[in-house]
Amino acid sequence: MDQAPAPEGLPPSLRFLKGLVIVLTLTMIIGVITVVAVLVTRMQHGFSTQTTLPTLPDTIHLPDGAKPQAITFGAGWVAVVTHDNRILVFGSDGKLKQDVALLAE
């Protein structure tokens, strides 16, 4: 029996496809490295800034019959939304600054 012929290499279309796969792989590797580098540099910048948490007054006295539904904070004030459709704005010292009545639907 005769020996099988030695392979002569890949056909031209497969060589072209192999080159495309290599280029795509290198592009993906560079892209992942770039995304990780951008995230790491942005995250370090984001964590270095110190954010101040809102401070609550020691006590807040709601008017009689008012039940809190939601609360929000601002610079030097605290707002409480009540079940009777009012917004009560308190100062940082806990004293009522403003009472805003909401329109009932």
C-alpha atoms as a PDB file:
ATOM      1  CA  MET A   1       0.000   0.000   0.000  1.00  0.00           C
ATOM      2  CA  ASP A   2       1.016   3.514  -0.719  1.00  0.00           C
ATOM      3  CA  GLN A   3       1.440   6.158   1.913  1.00  0.00           C
ATOM      4  CA  ALA A   4      -1.165   8.938   2.198  1.00  0.00           C
ATOM      5  CA  PRO A   5      -0.047  12.234   0.634  1.00  0.00           C
ATOM      6  CA  ALA A   6       1.352  14.832   3.009  1.00  0.00           C
ATOM      7  CA  PRO A   7      -1.012  17.747   3.675  1.00  0.00           C
ATOM      8  CA  GLU A   8       0.006  20.875   1.836  1.00  0.00           C
ATOM      9  CA  GLY A   9      -1.654  23.390   4.172  1.00  0.00           C
ATOM     10  CA  LEU A  10      -5.001  25.059   4.461  1.00  0.00           C
ATOM     11  CA  PRO A  11      -7.000  26.154   1.446  1.00  0.00           C
ATOM     12  CA  PRO A  12      -6.947  29.946   0.815  1.00  0.00           C
ATOM     13  CA  SER A  13     -10.506  30.508   2.053  1.00  0.00           C
ATOM     14  CA  LEU A  14      -9.736  28.801   5.378  1.00  0.00           C
ATOM     15  CA  ARG A  15      -6.500  30.764   5.786  1.00  0.00           C
ATOM     16  CA  PHE A  16      -8.521  33.977   5.321  1.00  0.00           C
ATOM     17  CA  LEU A  17     -11.093  32.787   7.889  1.00  0.00           C
ATOM     18  CA  LYS A  18      -8.313  31.875  10.337  1.00  0.00           C
ATOM     19  CA  GLY A  19      -6.864  35.380   9.983  1.00  0.00           C
ATOM     20  CA  LEU A  20     -10.282  36.959  10.640  1.00  0.00           C
ATOM     21  CA  VAL A  21     -10.745  34.858  13.787  1.00  0.00           C
ATOM     22  CA  ILE A  22      -7.312  35.887  15.076  1.00  0.00           C
ATOM     23  CA  VAL A  23      -8.036  39.584  14.421  1.00  0.00           C
ATOM     24  CA  LEU A  24     -11.429  39.288  16.153  1.00  0.00           C
ATOM     25  CA  THR A  25      -9.857  37.564  19.161  1.00  0.00           C
ATOM     26  CA  LEU A  26      -7.207  40.271  19.503  1.00  0.00           C
ATOM     27  CA  THR A  27      -9.869  42.993  19.161  1.00  0.00           C
ATOM     28  CA  MET A  28     -11.981  41.398  21.908  1.00  0.00           C
ATOM     29  CA  ILE A  29      -8.982  41.073  24.241  1.00  0.00           C
ATOM     30  CA  ILE A  30      -8.012  44.723  23.721  1.00  0.00           C
ATOM     31  CA  GLY A  31     -11.659  45.784  24.201  1.00  0.00           C
ATOM     32  CA  VAL A  32     -12.027  43.912  27.493  1.00  0.00           C
ATOM     33  CA  ILE A  33      -8.745  45.348  28.781  1.00  0.00           C
ATOM     34  CA  THR A  34      -9.895  48.853  27.812  1.00  0.00           C
ATOM     35  CA  VAL A  35     -13.293  48.475  29.518  1.00  0.00           C
ATOM     36  CA  VAL A  36     -11.697  47.134  32.702  1.00  0.00           C
ATOM     37  CA  ALA A  37      -9.153  49.951  32.728  1.00  0.00           C
ATOM     38  CA  VAL A  38     -11.845  52.608  32.282  1.00  0.00           C
ATOM     39  CA  LEU A  39     -14.002  51.088  35.030  1.00  0.00           C
ATOM     40  CA  VAL A  40     -11.085  50.877  37.447  1.00  0.00           C
ATOM     41  CA  THR A  41     -10.011  54.473  36.861  1.00  0.00           C
ATOM     42  CA  ARG A  42     -13.586  55.793  37.122  1.00  0.00           C
ATOM     43  CA  MET A  43     -14.369  53.732  40.224  1.00  0.00           C
ATOM     44  CA  GLN A  44     -11.335  55.040  42.077  1.00  0.00           C
ATOM     45  CA  HIS A  45     -12.420  58.583  41.267  1.00  0.00           C
ATOM     46  CA  GLY A  46     -15.984  57.884  42.396  1.00  0.00           C
ATOM     47  CA  PHE A  47     -14.943  56.382  45.731  1.00  0.00           C
ATOM     48  CA  SER A  48     -12.485  59.142  46.563  1.00  0.00           C
ATOM     49  CA  THR A  49     -15.174  61.835  46.794  1.00  0.00           C
ATOM     50  CA  GLN A  50     -16.730  61.936  50.222  1.00  0.00           C
ATOM     51  CA  THR A  51     -20.485  62.234  50.279  1.00  0.00           C
ATOM     52  CA  THR A  52     -22.207  63.529  53.358  1.00  0.00           C
ATOM     53  CA  LEU A  53     -25.206  61.663  54.610  1.00  0.00           C
ATOM     54  CA  PRO A  54     -28.312  63.607  55.567  1.00  0.00           C
ATOM     55  CA  THR A  55     -28.616  64.456  59.215  1.00  0.00           C
ATOM     56  CA  LEU A  56     -31.872  64.004  61.029  1.00  0.00           C
ATOM     57  CA  PRO A  57     -33.034  66.241  63.839  1.00  0.00           C
ATOM     58  CA  ASP A  58     -33.172  64.619  67.256  1.00  0.00           C
ATOM     59  CA  THR A  59     -36.970  64.898  67.366  1.00  0.00           C
ATOM     60  CA  ILE A  60     -39.727  65.759  64.920  1.00  0.00           C
ATOM     61  CA  HIS A  61     -43.196  66.380  66.306  1.00  0.00           C
ATOM     62  CA  LEU A  62     -45.969  65.780  63.782  1.00  0.00           C
ATOM     63  CA  PRO A  63     -49.296  67.579  64.200  1.00  0.00           C
ATOM     64  CA  ASP A  64     -52.118  65.614  65.828  1.00  0.00           C
ATOM     65  CA  GLY A  65     -53.645  63.023  63.517  1.00  0.00           C
ATOM     66  CA  ALA A  66     -50.824  63.199  60.955  1.00  0.00           C
ATOM     67  CA  LYS A  67     -49.402  59.828  59.957  1.00  0.00           C
ATOM     68  CA  PRO A  68     -46.162  59.863  57.943  1.00  0.00           C
ATOM     69  CA  GLN A  69     -46.293  58.295  54.499  1.00  0.00           C
ATOM     70  CA  ALA A  70     -42.904  59.322  53.054  1.00  0.00           C
ATOM     71  CA  ILE A  71     -39.846  61.306  54.074  1.00  0.00           C
ATOM     72  CA  THR A  72     -37.147  63.096  52.107  1.00  0.00           C
ATOM     73  CA  PHE A  73     -34.049  65.074  52.994  1.00  0.00           C
ATOM     74  CA  GLY A  74     -32.516  68.265  51.712  1.00  0.00           C
ATOM     75  CA  ALA A  75     -29.738  70.648  52.695  1.00  0.00           C
ATOM     76  CA  GLY A  76     -30.884  71.809  56.117  1.00  0.00           C
ATOM     77  CA  TRP A  77     -34.443  70.499  55.914  1.00  0.00           C
ATOM     78  CA  VAL A  78     -36.532  67.339  56.182  1.00  0.00           C
ATOM     79  CA  ALA A  79     -39.901  66.937  54.433  1.00  0.00           C
ATOM     80  CA  VAL A  80     -42.580  64.520  55.632  1.00  0.00           C
ATOM     81  CA  VAL A  81     -45.519  63.595  53.421  1.00  0.00           C
ATOM     82  CA  THR A  82     -48.551  62.620  55.488  1.00  0.00           C
ATOM     83  CA  HIS A  83     -51.606  60.450  54.762  1.00  0.00           C
ATOM     84  CA  ASP A  84     -53.869  63.499  54.914  1.00  0.00           C
ATOM     85  CA  ASN A  85     -52.209  64.977  51.757  1.00  0.00           C
ATOM     86  CA  ARG A  86     -49.868  67.474  53.370  1.00  0.00           C
ATOM     87  CA  ILE A  87     -46.146  68.090  53.101  1.00  0.00           C
ATOM     88  CA  LEU A  88     -44.554  69.152  56.369  1.00  0.00           C
ATOM     89  CA  VAL A  89     -41.147  70.780  56.007  1.00  0.00           C
ATOM     90  CA  PHE A  90     -38.980  70.750  59.118  1.00  0.00           C
ATOM     91  CA  GLY A  91     -35.713  72.577  59.684  1.00  0.00           C
ATOM     92  CA  SER A  92     -32.522  70.884  60.785  1.00  0.00           C
ATOM     93  CA  ASP A  93     -33.463  71.764  64.359  1.00  0.00           C
ATOM     94  CA  GLY A  94     -36.743  69.792  64.117  1.00  0.00           C
ATOM     95  CA  LYS A  95     -39.082  72.802  64.097  1.00  0.00           C
ATOM     96  CA  LEU A  96     -41.892  72.999  61.545  1.00  0.00           C
ATOM     97  CA  LYS A  97     -41.013  75.553  58.853  1.00  0.00           C
ATOM     98  CA  GLN A  98     -43.797  75.072  56.320  1.00  0.00           C
ATOM     99  CA  ASP A  99     -47.050  73.150  55.910  1.00  0.00           C
ATOM    100  CA  VAL A 100     -48.113  72.624  52.293  1.00  0.00           C
ATOM    101  CA  ALA A 101     -51.558  71.202  51.543  1.00  0.00           C
ATOM    102  CA  LEU A 102     -51.782  68.979  48.449  1.00  0.00           C
ATOM    103  CA  LEU A 103     -54.823  68.892  46.217  1.00  0.00           C
ATOM    104  CA  ALA A 104     -56.863  65.747  46.772  1.00  0.00           C
ATOM    105  CA  GLU A 105     -58.036  63.886  43.690  1.00  0.00           C
END
